Amino acid sequence: MTLPLTFRLPQASISVTRVDSELQDQAAHDFERLFRDIGPVLWRAIYAYSGGRRVVADDAVAEAFSRALERRDTIRNPVPWLYRTAFRLGRGGDEDRGAPRAPDGGAGSR
C-alpha cells in the first residue's frame, strides 16, 4: 500500500516577525514598558551570567537602561542593544578595555 506524499509548510502559531516588530515599535517609544517587559528577564540572565551576584545584575541592568535612555534617538532596536550593553557591563569589560589593570582592580595606579 502506497501512501500519497503531501508537502505542507508548517504554520507557526504566532508570527515571529509581527511580535518582533511590535516589540521594536513599543521599545522605540516606551522605555518604561520595555523595562517592565524585559527588565526582569534581562536581570535574571545577567544574574546567572555573573555567577549569582545580585549587585552586578542590579547595576548592569540599571546602567544599560540608563544608557539606552541617553541614546534613545540613535538606537534602532533597543532589545538586543540592551542585552549587549548589560552583558558587557556584567563582565566588567565596558570601559577601559585596552588599558592595563593594576593589581587592586583599578585602571591604573598613581
Protein backbone atom coordinates (compact mmCIF):
# COMPACT_ATOMS: atom_id res chain seq x y z
CA MET A 1 0.00 0.00 0.00
CA THR A 2 1.43 3.35 -1.02
CA LEU A 3 0.61 6.49 0.89
CA PRO A 4 0.42 9.73 -1.05
CA LEU A 5 3.09 12.24 -0.13
CA THR A 6 1.91 15.69 0.64
CA PHE A 7 4.19 18.55 1.44
CA ARG A 8 2.90 21.27 3.66
CA LEU A 9 4.80 24.13 5.08
CA PRO A 10 4.46 24.18 8.84
CA GLN A 11 2.32 27.01 10.07
CA ALA A 12 3.60 28.89 13.05
CA SER A 13 1.08 29.56 15.77
CA ILE A 14 2.36 33.11 16.08
CA SER A 15 4.15 35.37 13.66
CA VAL A 16 7.66 35.98 14.95
CA THR A 17 8.08 38.91 12.57
CA ARG A 18 4.92 40.52 13.88
CA VAL A 19 5.94 40.10 17.51
CA ASP A 20 9.44 41.39 16.83
CA SER A 21 8.16 44.47 15.02
CA GLU A 22 5.66 45.15 17.81
CA LEU A 23 8.46 44.95 20.39
CA GLN A 24 10.59 47.30 18.31
CA ASP A 25 7.74 49.80 18.00
CA GLN A 26 6.97 49.64 21.71
CA ALA A 27 10.61 49.80 22.66
CA ALA A 28 11.31 52.80 20.46
CA HIS A 29 8.60 54.86 22.12
CA ASP A 30 8.06 53.44 25.59
CA PHE A 31 11.15 52.56 27.62
CA GLU A 32 9.06 52.25 30.77
CA ARG A 33 7.02 49.44 29.25
CA LEU A 34 10.18 47.88 27.83
CA PHE A 35 11.70 47.94 31.33
CA ARG A 36 8.63 46.20 32.75
CA ASP A 37 8.54 43.60 29.94
CA ILE A 38 12.18 42.61 29.50
CA GLY A 39 13.83 44.09 32.58
CA PRO A 40 13.21 41.06 34.82
CA VAL A 41 14.27 38.61 32.10
CA LEU A 42 17.42 40.60 31.41
CA TRP A 43 18.16 40.83 35.13
CA ARG A 44 17.88 37.03 35.53
CA ALA A 45 20.19 36.49 32.54
CA ILE A 46 22.84 38.83 33.98
CA TYR A 47 22.38 37.32 37.45
CA ALA A 48 23.12 33.85 36.05
CA TYR A 49 25.97 35.15 33.87
CA SER A 50 27.62 36.85 36.84
CA GLY A 51 27.52 33.71 38.95
CA GLY A 52 24.66 34.79 41.19
CA ARG A 53 25.99 38.22 42.10
CA ARG A 54 22.90 40.32 42.71
CA VAL A 55 24.79 43.63 42.86
CA VAL A 56 26.32 43.00 39.43
CA ALA A 57 22.91 42.20 37.92
CA ASP A 58 21.27 45.23 39.53
CA ASP A 59 24.00 47.61 38.40
CA ALA A 60 24.36 46.22 34.87
CA VAL A 61 20.65 46.31 34.07
CA ALA A 62 20.12 49.75 35.61
CA GLU A 63 23.14 51.19 33.78
CA ALA A 64 22.10 49.58 30.47
CA PHE A 65 18.65 51.18 30.67
CA SER A 66 20.16 54.49 31.73
CA ARG A 67 22.46 54.50 28.71
CA ALA A 68 19.59 53.47 26.45
CA LEU A 69 17.57 56.47 27.60
CA GLU A 70 20.53 58.75 26.87
CA ARG A 71 20.88 57.30 23.36
CA ARG A 72 17.21 56.59 22.55
CA ASP A 73 17.32 58.62 19.33
CA THR A 74 20.21 56.59 17.89
CA ILE A 75 19.17 53.06 18.92
CA ARG A 76 17.29 51.27 16.16
CA ASN A 77 16.44 48.06 18.02
CA PRO A 78 16.71 48.54 21.78
CA VAL A 79 16.20 44.94 22.96
CA PRO A 80 19.44 43.48 21.52
CA TRP A 81 21.22 46.74 22.36
CA LEU A 82 20.17 46.43 26.00
CA TYR A 83 21.30 42.80 26.16
CA ARG A 84 24.71 43.56 24.62
CA THR A 85 25.24 46.54 26.91
CA ALA A 86 24.13 44.74 30.07
CA PHE A 87 26.32 41.72 29.34
CA ARG A 88 29.33 43.96 28.67
CA LEU A 89 28.70 45.78 31.94
CA GLY A 90 28.14 42.49 33.74
CA ARG A 91 31.51 41.15 32.73
CA GLY A 92 33.17 44.41 33.71
CA GLY A 93 34.68 45.00 30.29
CA ASP A 94 32.76 48.03 29.12
CA GLU A 95 35.23 50.78 29.89
CA ASP A 96 38.99 50.95 29.55
CA ARG A 97 39.05 47.74 27.56
CA GLY A 98 42.59 48.23 26.33
CA ALA A 99 44.02 49.78 29.48
CA PRO A 100 46.10 47.51 31.70
CA ARG A 101 44.64 46.96 35.15
CA ALA A 102 46.50 47.46 38.37
CA PRO A 103 46.54 44.59 40.89
CA ASP A 104 43.93 46.36 43.03
CA GLY A 105 41.46 46.29 40.09
CA GLY A 106 41.84 49.94 39.12
CA ALA A 107 42.63 51.17 35.62
CA GLY A 108 46.00 52.49 36.69
CA SER A 109 47.99 53.34 39.77
CA ARG A 110 49.48 56.61 40.96
